[in-house]
C-alpha atoms as a PDB file:
ATOM      1  CA  MET A   1    -109.660  32.364 106.591  1.00  0.00           C
ATOM      2  CA  THR A   2    -110.127  32.363 102.824  1.00  0.00           C
ATOM      3  CA  ASP A   3    -113.329  30.889 101.427  1.00  0.00           C
ATOM      4  CA  ALA A   4    -114.701  30.272  97.942  1.00  0.00           C
ATOM      5  CA  TYR A   5    -116.348  33.700  97.830  1.00  0.00           C
ATOM      6  CA  ASP A   6    -113.043  35.421  98.525  1.00  0.00           C
ATOM      7  CA  ILE A   7    -111.366  33.453  95.748  1.00  0.00           C
ATOM      8  CA  ILE A   8    -114.131  34.273  93.264  1.00  0.00           C
ATOM      9  CA  LYS A   9    -113.952  37.993  94.124  1.00  0.00           C
ATOM     10  CA  ASN A  10    -110.151  38.057  94.093  1.00  0.00           C
ATOM     11  CA  PRO A  11    -109.133  35.221  91.749  1.00  0.00           C
ATOM     12  CA  PRO A  12    -105.519  34.091  91.962  1.00  0.00           C
ATOM     13  CA  PRO A  13    -103.405  33.439  88.859  1.00  0.00           C
ATOM     14  CA  MET A  14    -104.732  30.520  86.833  1.00  0.00           C
ATOM     15  CA  GLY A  15    -102.709  27.911  85.041  1.00  0.00           C
ATOM     16  CA  TYR A  16    -104.719  24.984  83.628  1.00  0.00           C
ATOM     17  CA  VAL A  17    -105.499  25.351  79.929  1.00  0.00           C
ATOM     18  CA  ASP A  18    -108.152  22.925  78.709  1.00  0.00           C
ATOM     19  CA  CYS A  19    -107.873  21.770  75.096  1.00  0.00           C
ATOM     20  CA  PRO A  20    -109.957  18.637  74.380  1.00  0.00           C
ATOM     21  CA  LYS A  21    -108.485  18.157  70.897  1.00  0.00           C
ATOM     22  CA  ALA A  22    -104.896  18.316  72.138  1.00  0.00           C
ATOM     23  CA  ARG A  23    -105.805  15.998  75.005  1.00  0.00           C
ATOM     24  CA  ALA A  24    -107.321  13.456  72.612  1.00  0.00           C
ATOM     25  CA  ASP A  25    -104.430  13.704  70.147  1.00  0.00           C
ATOM     26  CA  VAL A  26    -101.839  13.095  72.851  1.00  0.00           C
ATOM     27  CA  ALA A  27    -103.808  10.220  74.414  1.00  0.00           C
ATOM     28  CA  SER A  28    -104.177   8.598  70.974  1.00  0.00           C
ATOM     29  CA  ALA A  29    -100.457   8.895  70.339  1.00  0.00           C
ATOM     30  CA  PHE A  30     -99.701   7.152  73.621  1.00  0.00           C
ATOM     31  CA  ALA A  31    -102.250   4.424  72.932  1.00  0.00           C
ATOM     32  CA  ALA A  32    -100.783   3.811  69.476  1.00  0.00           C
ATOM     33  CA  ALA A  33     -97.293   3.500  70.917  1.00  0.00           C
ATOM     34  CA  GLY A  34     -98.425   0.592  73.082  1.00  0.00           C
ATOM     35  CA  VAL A  35     -95.560   0.969  75.545  1.00  0.00           C
ATOM     36  CA  ASP A  36     -97.005   3.030  78.378  1.00  0.00           C
ATOM     37  CA  ILE A  37     -98.947   2.531  81.554  1.00  0.00           C
ATOM     38  CA  SER A  38    -102.317   1.156  80.536  1.00  0.00           C
ATOM     39  CA  GLY A  39    -105.618   0.561  82.251  1.00  0.00           C
ATOM     40  CA  LYS A  40    -104.970  -3.167  82.145  1.00  0.00           C
ATOM     41  CA  SER A  41    -101.624  -2.830  83.918  1.00  0.00           C
ATOM     42  CA  VAL A  42    -103.092  -1.064  86.953  1.00  0.00           C
ATOM     43  CA  GLN A  43    -106.713  -2.193  86.957  1.00  0.00           C
ATOM     44  CA  GLY A  44    -107.880  -3.534  90.313  1.00  0.00           C
ATOM     45  CA  GLU A  45    -104.708  -2.589  92.210  1.00  0.00           C
ATOM     46  CA  PHE A  46    -106.485  -0.542  94.868  1.00  0.00           C
ATOM     47  CA  GLN A  47    -108.939  -3.346  95.588  1.00  0.00           C
ATOM     48  CA  ARG A  48    -106.013  -5.771  95.872  1.00  0.00           C
ATOM     49  CA  GLN A  49    -104.368  -3.433  98.367  1.00  0.00           C
ATOM     50  CA  ILE A  50    -107.597  -3.219 100.373  1.00  0.00           C
ATOM     51  CA  ALA A  51    -107.862  -7.017 100.397  1.00  0.00           C
ATOM     52  CA  GLN A  52    -104.351  -7.086 101.873  1.00  0.00           C
ATOM     53  CA  GLY A  53    -105.417  -4.690 104.623  1.00  0.00           C
ATOM     54  CA  ASN A  54    -103.978  -1.492 103.118  1.00  0.00           C
ATOM     55  CA  CYS A  55    -106.796   1.009 102.676  1.00  0.00           C
ATOM     56  CA  TYR A  56    -104.668   4.183 102.993  1.00  0.00           C
ATOM     57  CA  ILE A  57    -101.945   5.033 100.456  1.00  0.00           C
ATOM     58  CA  ASN A  58    -100.245   8.426 100.677  1.00  0.00           C
ATOM     59  CA  LEU A  59     -97.368   8.919  98.242  1.00  0.00           C
ATOM     60  CA  HIS A  60     -95.932  11.651 100.463  1.00  0.00           C
ATOM     61  CA  ASP A  61     -95.175   8.930 103.029  1.00  0.00           C
ATOM     62  CA  TYR A  62     -92.651   7.513 100.571  1.00  0.00           C
ATOM     63  CA  GLU A  63     -91.254  10.971  99.899  1.00  0.00           C
ATOM     64  CA  ALA A  64     -90.797  11.530 103.645  1.00  0.00           C
ATOM     65  CA  ASP A  65     -89.123   8.113 103.968  1.00  0.00           C
ATOM     66  CA  PHE A  66     -86.743   8.885 101.113  1.00  0.00           C
ATOM     67  CA  ILE A  67     -85.882  12.358 102.411  1.00  0.00           C
ATOM     68  CA  SER A  68     -85.178  11.076 105.927  1.00  0.00           C
ATOM     69  CA  ARG A  69     -82.707   8.539 104.537  1.00  0.00           C
ATOM     70  CA  GLN A  70     -81.043  10.880 102.046  1.00  0.00           C
ATOM     71  CA  MET A  71     -81.039  14.098 104.076  1.00  0.00           C
ATOM     72  CA  GLN A  72     -77.266  14.652 103.844  1.00  0.00           C
ATOM     73  CA  THR A  73     -77.057  13.967 100.097  1.00  0.00           C
ATOM     74  CA  LEU A  74     -80.537  15.071  99.005  1.00  0.00           C
ATOM     75  CA  VAL A  75     -80.418  16.879  95.659  1.00  0.00           C
ATOM     76  CA  LYS A  76     -82.861  19.787  95.869  1.00  0.00           C
ATOM     77  CA  SER A  77     -83.110  23.520  95.367  1.00  0.00           C
ATOM     78  CA  HIS A  78     -83.240  26.038  98.215  1.00  0.00           C
ATOM     79  CA  ARG A  79     -86.613  24.630  99.193  1.00  0.00           C
ATOM     80  CA  ASN A  80     -87.549  24.025 102.803  1.00  0.00           C
ATOM     81  CA  ILE A  81     -88.431  20.638 104.220  1.00  0.00           C
ATOM     82  CA  ILE A  82     -91.634  20.922 106.249  1.00  0.00           C
ATOM     83  CA  GLY A  83     -93.325  17.980 107.922  1.00  0.00           C
ATOM     84  CA  GLY A  84     -90.696  15.690 106.388  1.00  0.00           C
ATOM     85  CA  VAL A  85     -91.470  16.594 102.753  1.00  0.00           C
ATOM     86  CA  LEU A  86     -90.523  19.361 100.347  1.00  0.00           C
ATOM     87  CA  GLN A  87     -92.508  22.492 101.093  1.00  0.00           C
ATOM     88  CA  PRO A  88     -95.509  22.967  98.746  1.00  0.00           C
ATOM     89  CA  PHE A  89     -95.127  25.684  96.150  1.00  0.00           C
ATOM     90  CA  SER A  90     -96.695  29.049  96.854  1.00  0.00           C
ATOM     91  CA  GLN A  91     -96.995  30.358  93.313  1.00  0.00           C
ATOM     92  CA  ARG A  92     -97.476  34.014  92.440  1.00  0.00           C
ATOM     93  CA  THR A  93     -98.182  33.450  88.708  1.00  0.00           C
ATOM     94  CA  GLY A  94    -100.005  30.882  86.568  1.00  0.00           C
ATOM     95  CA  ILE A  95     -97.385  28.135  86.807  1.00  0.00           C
ATOM     96  CA  CYS A  96     -99.538  25.530  88.589  1.00  0.00           C
ATOM     97  CA  ASN A  97     -99.250  23.133  85.641  1.00  0.00           C
ATOM     98  CA  GLY A  98     -95.489  23.144  86.070  1.00  0.00           C
ATOM     99  CA  CYS A  99     -95.742  22.808  89.858  1.00  0.00           C
ATOM    100  CA  SER A 100     -98.110  19.836  89.754  1.00  0.00           C
ATOM    101  CA  HIS A 101     -96.275  18.167  86.889  1.00  0.00           C
ATOM    102  CA  SER A 102     -93.032  18.379  88.812  1.00  0.00           C
ATOM    103  CA  THR A 103     -94.613  17.063  92.019  1.00  0.00           C
ATOM    104  CA  ALA A 104     -96.122  14.018  90.272  1.00  0.00           C
ATOM    105  CA  PRO A 105     -92.956  12.414  88.824  1.00  0.00           C
ATOM    106  CA  TRP A 106     -91.048  13.287  92.001  1.00  0.00           C
ATOM    107  CA  LEU A 107     -93.589  11.426  94.165  1.00  0.00           C
ATOM    108  CA  SER A 108     -93.655   8.445  91.793  1.00  0.00           C
ATOM    109  CA  TRP A 109     -89.848   8.442  91.770  1.00  0.00           C
ATOM    110  CA  CYS A 110     -89.657   8.380  95.576  1.00  0.00           C
ATOM    111  CA  TYR A 111     -92.250   5.600  95.703  1.00  0.00           C
ATOM    112  CA  ARG A 112     -90.328   3.460  93.213  1.00  0.00           C
ATOM    113  CA  PHE A 113     -86.964   4.040  94.871  1.00  0.00           C
ATOM    114  CA  VAL A 114     -88.238   3.244  98.373  1.00  0.00           C
ATOM    115  CA  ASN A 115     -90.159   0.155  97.235  1.00  0.00           C
ATOM    116  CA  SER A 116     -87.819  -1.297  94.630  1.00  0.00           C
ATOM    117  CA  GLY A 117     -84.562   0.648  94.481  1.00  0.00           C
ATOM    118  CA  ASP A 118     -84.245  -0.262  90.791  1.00  0.00           C
ATOM    119  CA  CYS A 119     -84.215   3.289  89.449  1.00  0.00           C
ATOM    120  CA  ALA A 120     -81.912   6.298  89.647  1.00  0.00           C
ATOM    121  CA  VAL A 121     -81.748   8.090  92.994  1.00  0.00           C
ATOM    122  CA  PRO A 122     -84.500  10.753  92.952  1.00  0.00           C
ATOM    123  CA  ARG A 123     -83.527  14.406  92.562  1.00  0.00           C
ATOM    124  CA  GLU A 124     -85.959  17.258  92.910  1.00  0.00           C
ATOM    125  CA  VAL A 125     -87.813  17.937  89.651  1.00  0.00           C
ATOM    126  CA  THR A 126     -88.001  21.624  88.803  1.00  0.00           C
ATOM    127  CA  PHE A 127     -91.311  23.025  87.566  1.00  0.00           C
ATOM    128  CA  LEU A 128     -89.687  24.889  84.662  1.00  0.00           C
ATOM    129  CA  GLY A 129     -89.484  21.841  82.406  1.00  0.00           C
ATOM    130  CA  GLY A 130     -93.140  20.899  82.751  1.00  0.00           C
ATOM    131  CA  TYR A 131     -94.293  24.495  82.494  1.00  0.00           C
ATOM    132  CA  PHE A 132     -92.279  25.238  79.345  1.00  0.00           C
ATOM    133  CA  LEU A 133     -93.245  21.961  77.655  1.00  0.00           C
ATOM    134  CA  GLY A 134     -96.904  22.865  78.112  1.00  0.00           C
ATOM    135  CA  ARG A 135     -96.762  26.447  76.863  1.00  0.00           C
ATOM    136  CA  GLN A 136     -97.211  25.648  73.133  1.00  0.00           C
ATOM    137  CA  GLY A 137     -97.676  29.180  71.807  1.00  0.00           C
ATOM    138  CA  LEU A 138     -99.357  30.706  74.846  1.00  0.00           C
ATOM    139  CA  SER A 139     -98.402  34.186  75.996  1.00  0.00           C
ATOM    140  CA  GLY A 140     -98.543  36.142  79.213  1.00  0.00           C
ATOM    141  CA  ASP A 141     -99.824  34.662  82.470  1.00  0.00           C
ATOM    142  CA  SER A 142    -101.988  32.112  80.700  1.00  0.00           C
ATOM    143  CA  GLY A 143    -100.814  28.847  82.186  1.00  0.00           C
ATOM    144  CA  ALA A 144    -100.009  25.717  80.177  1.00  0.00           C
ATOM    145  CA  TYR A 145    -101.468  22.625  78.528  1.00  0.00           C
ATOM    146  CA  PRO A 146    -100.983  19.520  80.703  1.00  0.00           C
ATOM    147  CA  ASN A 147    -101.352  17.195  77.709  1.00  0.00           C
ATOM    148  CA  TYR A 148     -98.284  18.666  76.022  1.00  0.00           C
ATOM    149  CA  THR A 149     -96.395  18.466  79.312  1.00  0.00           C
ATOM    150  CA  ALA A 150     -97.304  14.777  79.547  1.00  0.00           C
ATOM    151  CA  LYS A 151     -96.119  14.139  75.984  1.00  0.00           C
ATOM    152  CA  GLY A 152     -92.909  16.037  76.695  1.00  0.00           C
ATOM    153  CA  TYR A 153     -92.224  14.052  79.858  1.00  0.00           C
ATOM    154  CA  HIS A 154     -92.625  10.850  77.843  1.00  0.00           C
ATOM    155  CA  ASP A 155     -90.691  11.917  74.740  1.00  0.00           C
ATOM    156  CA  ILE A 156     -88.025  14.194  76.263  1.00  0.00           C
ATOM    157  CA  GLY A 157     -88.013  13.622  80.037  1.00  0.00           C
ATOM    158  CA  VAL A 158     -88.359  15.527  83.297  1.00  0.00           C
ATOM    159  CA  LEU A 159     -85.969  18.297  84.318  1.00  0.00           C
ATOM    160  CA  PRO A 160     -83.979  17.814  87.566  1.00  0.00           C
ATOM    161  CA  VAL A 161     -82.786  20.857  89.504  1.00  0.00           C
ATOM    162  CA  ASP A 162     -79.127  19.854  88.981  1.00  0.00           C
ATOM    163  CA  CYS A 163     -79.473  19.932  85.194  1.00  0.00           C
ATOM    164  CA  GLY A 164     -76.562  22.296  84.622  1.00  0.00           C
ATOM    165  CA  GLY A 165     -76.364  25.125  82.123  1.00  0.00           C
ATOM    166  CA  LYS A 166     -76.605  28.871  82.640  1.00  0.00           C
ATOM    167  CA  TYR A 167     -79.254  28.603  85.382  1.00  0.00           C
ATOM    168  CA  ASP A 168     -78.148  27.046  88.658  1.00  0.00           C
ATOM    169  CA  PHE A 169     -81.536  25.841  89.887  1.00  0.00           C
ATOM    170  CA  ALA A 170     -80.068  23.841  92.759  1.00  0.00           C
ATOM    171  CA  ASN A 171     -78.924  27.110  94.320  1.00  0.00           C
ATOM    172  CA  MET A 172     -82.187  28.960  93.729  1.00  0.00           C
ATOM    173  CA  THR A 173     -85.348  29.325  95.764  1.00  0.00           C
ATOM    174  CA  PRO A 174     -88.641  28.358  94.100  1.00  0.00           C
ATOM    175  CA  GLU A 175     -89.430  32.077  93.821  1.00  0.00           C
ATOM    176  CA  GLN A 176     -86.220  32.661  91.866  1.00  0.00           C
ATOM    177  CA  GLN A 177     -87.062  29.779  89.533  1.00  0.00           C
ATOM    178  CA  GLU A 178     -90.528  31.250  89.061  1.00  0.00           C
ATOM    179  CA  SER A 179     -88.939  34.525  87.985  1.00  0.00           C
ATOM    180  CA  ILE A 180     -87.137  32.625  85.219  1.00  0.00           C
ATOM    181  CA  CYS A 181     -90.488  31.157  84.156  1.00  0.00           C
ATOM    182  CA  GLU A 182     -91.901  34.659  83.883  1.00  0.00           C
ATOM    183  CA  ALA A 183     -88.892  35.955  81.956  1.00  0.00           C
ATOM    184  CA  LEU A 184     -88.860  33.113  79.409  1.00  0.00           C
ATOM    185  CA  ARG A 185     -92.498  32.018  79.203  1.00  0.00           C
ATOM    186  CA  ASP A 186     -93.383  33.840  75.953  1.00  0.00           C
ATOM    187  CA  ASN A 187     -90.487  32.219  74.088  1.00  0.00           C
ATOM    188  CA  PRO A 188     -89.617  29.059  76.030  1.00  0.00           C
ATOM    189  CA  VAL A 189     -86.638  27.104  74.772  1.00  0.00           C
ATOM    190  CA  LEU A 190     -85.255  23.930  76.316  1.00  0.00           C
ATOM    191  CA  LEU A 191     -81.508  24.473  76.531  1.00  0.00           C
ATOM    192  CA  LYS A 192     -79.301  21.664  75.244  1.00  0.00           C
ATOM    193  CA  GLU A 193     -77.982  21.061  78.771  1.00  0.00           C
ATOM    194  CA  TRP A 194     -81.564  20.607  79.979  1.00  0.00           C
ATOM    195  CA  VAL A 195     -82.429  18.150  77.214  1.00  0.00           C
ATOM    196  CA  ALA A 196     -79.296  16.122  77.972  1.00  0.00           C
ATOM    197  CA  ALA A 197     -80.274  15.924  81.650  1.00  0.00           C
ATOM    198  CA  MET A 198     -83.881  15.068  80.759  1.00  0.00           C
ATOM    199  CA  HIS A 199     -83.113  12.294  78.267  1.00  0.00           C
ATOM    200  CA  PRO A 200     -82.450   9.533  80.858  1.00  0.00           C
ATOM    201  CA  LEU A 201     -85.561  10.612  82.790  1.00  0.00           C
ATOM    202  CA  LYS A 202     -88.354   9.941  80.304  1.00  0.00           C
ATOM    203  CA  SER A 203     -91.530   8.819  82.067  1.00  0.00           C
ATOM    204  CA  ARG A 204     -94.246   6.371  81.169  1.00  0.00           C
ATOM    205  CA  VAL A 205     -97.592   8.160  81.063  1.00  0.00           C
ATOM    206  CA  PHE A 206    -101.261   7.213  81.194  1.00  0.00           C
ATOM    207  CA  SER A 207    -104.508   9.206  81.208  1.00  0.00           C
ATOM    208  CA  PRO A 208    -107.008   7.459  83.544  1.00  0.00           C
ATOM    209  CA  GLN A 209    -110.548   8.340  82.569  1.00  0.00           C
ATOM    210  CA  ASP A 210    -112.523   7.219  85.625  1.00  0.00           C
ATOM    211  CA  GLY A 211    -112.266   7.222  89.398  1.00  0.00           C
ATOM    212  CA  ASN A 212    -111.451   3.526  89.694  1.00  0.00           C
ATOM    213  CA  LEU A 213    -108.422   3.877  87.428  1.00  0.00           C
ATOM    214  CA  VAL A 214    -107.299   7.035  89.236  1.00  0.00           C
ATOM    215  CA  ALA A 215    -107.377   5.065  92.509  1.00  0.00           C
ATOM    216  CA  ASP A 216    -105.584   2.136  90.858  1.00  0.00           C
ATOM    217  CA  CYS A 217    -102.838   4.425  89.524  1.00  0.00           C
ATOM    218  CA  LEU A 218    -102.300   5.992  92.945  1.00  0.00           C
ATOM    219  CA  ALA A 219    -102.280   2.576  94.606  1.00  0.00           C
ATOM    220  CA  SER A 220     -99.639   1.521  92.059  1.00  0.00           C
ATOM    221  CA  GLY A 221     -97.388   4.414  93.056  1.00  0.00           C
ATOM    222  CA  TYR A 222     -98.228   6.573  90.035  1.00  0.00           C
ATOM    223  CA  ALA A 223     -99.105  10.130  91.045  1.00  0.00           C
ATOM    224  CA  VAL A 224    -101.947  11.663  89.009  1.00  0.00           C
ATOM    225  CA  THR A 225    -102.226  15.296  87.964  1.00  0.00           C
ATOM    226  CA  PHE A 226    -105.641  16.969  87.789  1.00  0.00           C
ATOM    227  CA  GLY A 227    -106.656  19.907  85.613  1.00  0.00           C
ATOM    228  CA  SER A 228    -110.099  21.247  86.458  1.00  0.00           C
ATOM    229  CA  SER A 229    -112.311  24.210  87.232  1.00  0.00           C
ATOM    230  CA  ALA A 230    -113.438  22.361  90.354  1.00  0.00           C
ATOM    231  CA  GLN A 231    -111.372  22.828  93.485  1.00  0.00           C
ATOM    232  CA  ILE A 232    -111.489  21.824  97.144  1.00  0.00           C
ATOM    233  CA  ASN A 233    -112.152  24.286  99.963  1.00  0.00           C
ATOM    234  CA  ASN A 234    -109.410  24.917 102.497  1.00  0.00           C
ATOM    235  CA  ALA A 235    -111.781  24.360 105.444  1.00  0.00           C
ATOM    236  CA  PRO A 236    -112.795  20.676 105.426  1.00  0.00           C
ATOM    237  CA  ASN A 237    -115.555  19.033 107.445  1.00  0.00           C
ATOM    238  CA  PRO A 238    -114.811  17.352 110.820  1.00  0.00           C
ATOM    239  CA  GLY A 239    -113.763  14.167 108.994  1.00  0.00           C
ATOM    240  CA  GLY A 240    -111.095  16.111 107.121  1.00  0.00           C
ATOM    241  CA  VAL A 241    -112.856  16.023 103.748  1.00  0.00           C
ATOM    242  CA  SER A 242    -113.246  19.232 101.734  1.00  0.00           C
ATOM    243  CA  SER A 243    -116.279  20.273  99.744  1.00  0.00           C
ATOM    244  CA  LEU A 244    -115.887  21.308  96.115  1.00  0.00           C
ATOM    245  CA  TYR A 245    -116.567  24.563  94.317  1.00  0.00           C
ATOM    246  CA  VAL A 246    -116.042  25.909  90.794  1.00  0.00           C
ATOM    247  CA  LEU A 247    -113.138  28.298  90.468  1.00  0.00           C
ATOM    248  CA  ARG A 248    -114.086  31.403  88.465  1.00  0.00           C
ATOM    249  CA  ASP A 249    -112.238  34.337  86.995  1.00  0.00           C
ATOM    250  CA  ALA A 250    -112.995  38.015  87.598  1.00  0.00           C
ATOM    251  CA  TRP A 251    -115.812  37.866  85.000  1.00  0.00           C
ATOM    252  CA  GLY A 252    -117.520  34.859  86.589  1.00  0.00           C
ATOM    253  CA  ARG A 253    -116.348  32.352  83.985  1.00  0.00           C
ATOM    254  CA  PRO A 254    -115.015  28.918  85.065  1.00  0.00           C
ATOM    255  CA  ALA A 255    -111.248  29.099  85.414  1.00  0.00           C
ATOM    256  CA  GLY A 256    -108.637  26.354  85.585  1.00  0.00           C
ATOM    257  CA  HIS A 257    -106.134  25.188  88.165  1.00  0.00           C
ATOM    258  CA  GLU A 258    -103.778  22.194  88.118  1.00  0.00           C
ATOM    259  CA  THR A 259    -103.121  20.036  91.191  1.00  0.00           C
ATOM    260  CA  CYS A 260    -101.401  16.732  91.921  1.00  0.00           C
ATOM    261  CA  GLY A 261    -103.300  13.651  93.107  1.00  0.00           C
ATOM    262  CA  SER A 262    -101.099  12.175  95.815  1.00  0.00           C
ATOM    263  CA  GLY A 263    -103.072   9.458  97.599  1.00  0.00           C
ATOM    264  CA  VAL A 264    -106.233   7.415  98.063  1.00  0.00           C
ATOM    265  CA  TYR A 265    -108.046   5.865 101.020  1.00  0.00           C
ATOM    266  CA  THR A 266    -111.358   4.449 102.196  1.00  0.00           C
ATOM    267  CA  TYR A 267    -113.599   5.446 105.071  1.00  0.00           C
ATOM    268  CA  ARG A 268    -116.694   3.416 105.918  1.00  0.00           C
ATOM    269  CA  GLY A 269    -116.256   1.716 102.574  1.00  0.00           C
ATOM    270  CA  GLU A 270    -116.267   4.936 100.532  1.00  0.00           C
ATOM    271  CA  VAL A 271    -113.278   5.957  98.397  1.00  0.00           C
ATOM    272  CA  PHE A 272    -111.560   9.325  98.929  1.00  0.00           C
ATOM    273  CA  GLY A 273    -108.700  10.949  97.113  1.00  0.00           C
ATOM    274  CA  MET A 274    -105.920  13.225  98.301  1.00  0.00           C
ATOM    275  CA  LYS A 275    -104.261  15.941  96.278  1.00  0.00           C
ATOM    276  CA  THR A 276    -101.444  18.381  96.838  1.00  0.00           C
ATOM    277  CA  GLU A 277    -101.891  22.047  95.988  1.00  0.00           C
ATOM    278  CA  SER A 278     -99.717  24.736  94.549  1.00  0.00           C
ATOM    279  CA  TRP A 279    -101.536  27.967  95.303  1.00  0.00           C
ATOM    280  CA  TYR A 280    -100.766  31.629  95.446  1.00  0.00           C
ATOM    281  CA  GLY A 281    -100.434  32.230  99.164  1.00  0.00           C
ATOM    282  CA  ALA A 282    -100.376  29.375 101.650  1.00  0.00           C
ATOM    283  CA  ASN A 283    -103.828  30.295 102.945  1.00  0.00           C
ATOM    284  CA  TYR A 284    -105.250  28.876  99.723  1.00  0.00           C
ATOM    285  CA  TYR A 285    -103.924  25.422 100.573  1.00  0.00           C
ATOM    286  CA  PRO A 286    -106.612  22.951 101.706  1.00  0.00           C
ATOM    287  CA  GLY A 287    -105.259  23.172 105.257  1.00  0.00           C
ATOM    288  CA  GLY A 288    -104.708  26.899 105.218  1.00  0.00           C
ATOM    289  CA  ALA A 289    -107.060  27.379 108.162  1.00  0.00           C
ATOM    290  CA  PHE A 290    -105.343  24.692 110.264  1.00  0.00           C
ATOM    291  CA  PRO A 291    -102.229  24.739 112.468  1.00  0.00           C
ATOM    292  CA  GLU A 292     -99.168  24.139 110.299  1.00  0.00           C
ATOM    293  CA  HIS A 293    -101.573  23.789 107.338  1.00  0.00           C
ATOM    294  CA  ARG A 294    -102.144  20.106 108.083  1.00  0.00           C
ATOM    295  CA  ILE A 295    -105.478  18.262 108.023  1.00  0.00           C
ATOM    296  CA  THR A 296    -106.366  15.056 109.856  1.00  0.00           C
ATOM    297  CA  VAL A 297    -108.667  12.718 107.933  1.00  0.00           C
ATOM    298  CA  GLN A 298    -110.685   9.795 109.255  1.00  0.00           C
ATOM    299  CA  THR A 299    -109.956   6.549 107.407  1.00  0.00           C
ATOM    300  CA  ASP A 300    -110.766   2.867 107.790  1.00  0.00           C
ATOM    301  CA  ALA A 301    -107.202   2.560 109.112  1.00  0.00           C
ATOM    302  CA  GLY A 302    -107.819   5.232 111.767  1.00  0.00           C
ATOM    303  CA  PRO A 303    -107.090   8.988 111.758  1.00  0.00           C
ATOM    304  CA  LYS A 304    -104.245  10.100 109.473  1.00  0.00           C
ATOM    305  CA  LEU A 305    -102.385  13.422 109.470  1.00  0.00           C
ATOM    306  CA  LEU A 306    -101.944  14.776 105.954  1.00  0.00           C
ATOM    307  CA  TYR A 307     -98.960  16.786 104.784  1.00  0.00           C
ATOM    308  CA  PRO A 308     -98.750  20.563 104.261  1.00  0.00           C
ATOM    309  CA  GLY A 309    -100.721  21.580 101.174  1.00  0.00           C
ATOM    310  CA  GLN A 310    -102.564  18.255 100.993  1.00  0.00           C
ATOM    311  CA  GLY A 311    -106.349  17.923 101.142  1.00  0.00           C
ATOM    312  CA  ALA A 312    -108.968  15.182 100.803  1.00  0.00           C
ATOM    313  CA  PHE A 313    -112.129  14.864  98.731  1.00  0.00           C
ATOM    314  CA  LYS A 314    -114.769  12.277  97.870  1.00  0.00           C
ATOM    315  CA  LEU A 315    -113.400  10.695  94.706  1.00  0.00           C
ATOM    316  CA  SER A 316    -116.748  10.164  92.962  1.00  0.00           C
ATOM    317  CA  ASP A 317    -117.710  13.814  93.513  1.00  0.00           C
ATOM    318  CA  TRP A 318    -114.354  14.995  92.208  1.00  0.00           C
ATOM    319  CA  MET A 319    -114.494  12.842  89.074  1.00  0.00           C
ATOM    320  CA  SER A 320    -118.029  14.064  88.300  1.00  0.00           C
ATOM    321  CA  TYR A 321    -116.366  17.351  87.238  1.00  0.00           C
ATOM    322  CA  LYS A 322    -114.379  15.383  84.619  1.00  0.00           C
ATOM    323  CA  PRO A 323    -110.869  16.616  85.475  1.00  0.00           C
ATOM    324  CA  GLU A 324    -108.085  16.079  82.970  1.00  0.00           C
ATOM    325  CA  CYS A 325    -105.925  13.353  84.511  1.00  0.00           C
ATOM    326  CA  TRP A 326    -102.348  12.250  83.762  1.00  0.00           C
ATOM    327  CA  ALA A 327    -100.615   9.495  85.693  1.00  0.00           C
ATOM    328  CA  TYR A 328     -96.827   9.256  85.821  1.00  0.00           C
ATOM    329  CA  ALA A 329     -94.500   6.374  86.452  1.00  0.00           C
ATOM    330  CA  TRP A 330     -91.023   7.137  87.800  1.00  0.00           C
ATOM    331  CA  PRO A 331     -88.572   9.214  85.719  1.00  0.00           C
ATOM    332  CA  GLY A 332     -86.510   6.790  83.687  1.00  0.00           C
ATOM    333  CA  SER A 333     -89.365   4.316  83.221  1.00  0.00           C
ATOM    334  CA  ALA A 334     -89.639   5.170  79.499  1.00  0.00           C
ATOM    335  CA  ALA A 335     -85.964   5.875  78.826  1.00  0.00           C
END
């Protein structure tokens, strides 16, 4: 079993690049536009859901529902389906920003399609688009800026695996797509075929600044990405909740990792979040020490089995580390 000490001694590739100025500039641009998800549009949604008897919301449930219905026509890469959902990424380089920022719009897309059916049929979102949009002059295995990815998803769109062009992502494994990230990361260019495929899939974006709004976004079907030095351990307590630790590089400095907030629930009146990992090696997933990498959490609605790569944490503890958060509506919501 891998613990925090092992990770600190042998740090995996990092990918979250924190830039407060860029974060503020992008958030201000969205606020000035006045057309995106706002705090007012989601505020109080989780409490409304609780009042209606729904205290457990897992966006992967909607993904699993969608996949089960669309199995024969599902548009995806050579990516396995495990536990009813697309297998979590097992990255070998610092592409976690791309992984999480592809998971988020995909989950929001599945939620919208299952609930309303008033959007395009979801297709797997490849991590290349989000990763390249967030590079912004970086070089080597240095990750990406989530704020620039968020702006790109709003202004340009998300990249589906069937985007066309010289790279046939739909017939690639995630590892093969990651190799393209490595080959092109120091001079990323969005090919014209990619931009054409992305244009109809622009997403509304919001940056929730506190735990209540994070819960409200998730309860509204908007997945939330998290960039932070804090992470959750892969061996949770008996209730299924993981403790937190600060991820550090080989020199002991706080390092960054990007994950995708994928659900929210209550237990004994307290609010907990769920997030889905992309990690190098499946043993770094929150459930890496559990059979099939799946954790069972105790909720006010009874015990719930989480999905592979998904873990739980106390939301107030998590937000005390001030993660960088970006919430996404479904692709096409801003087109």
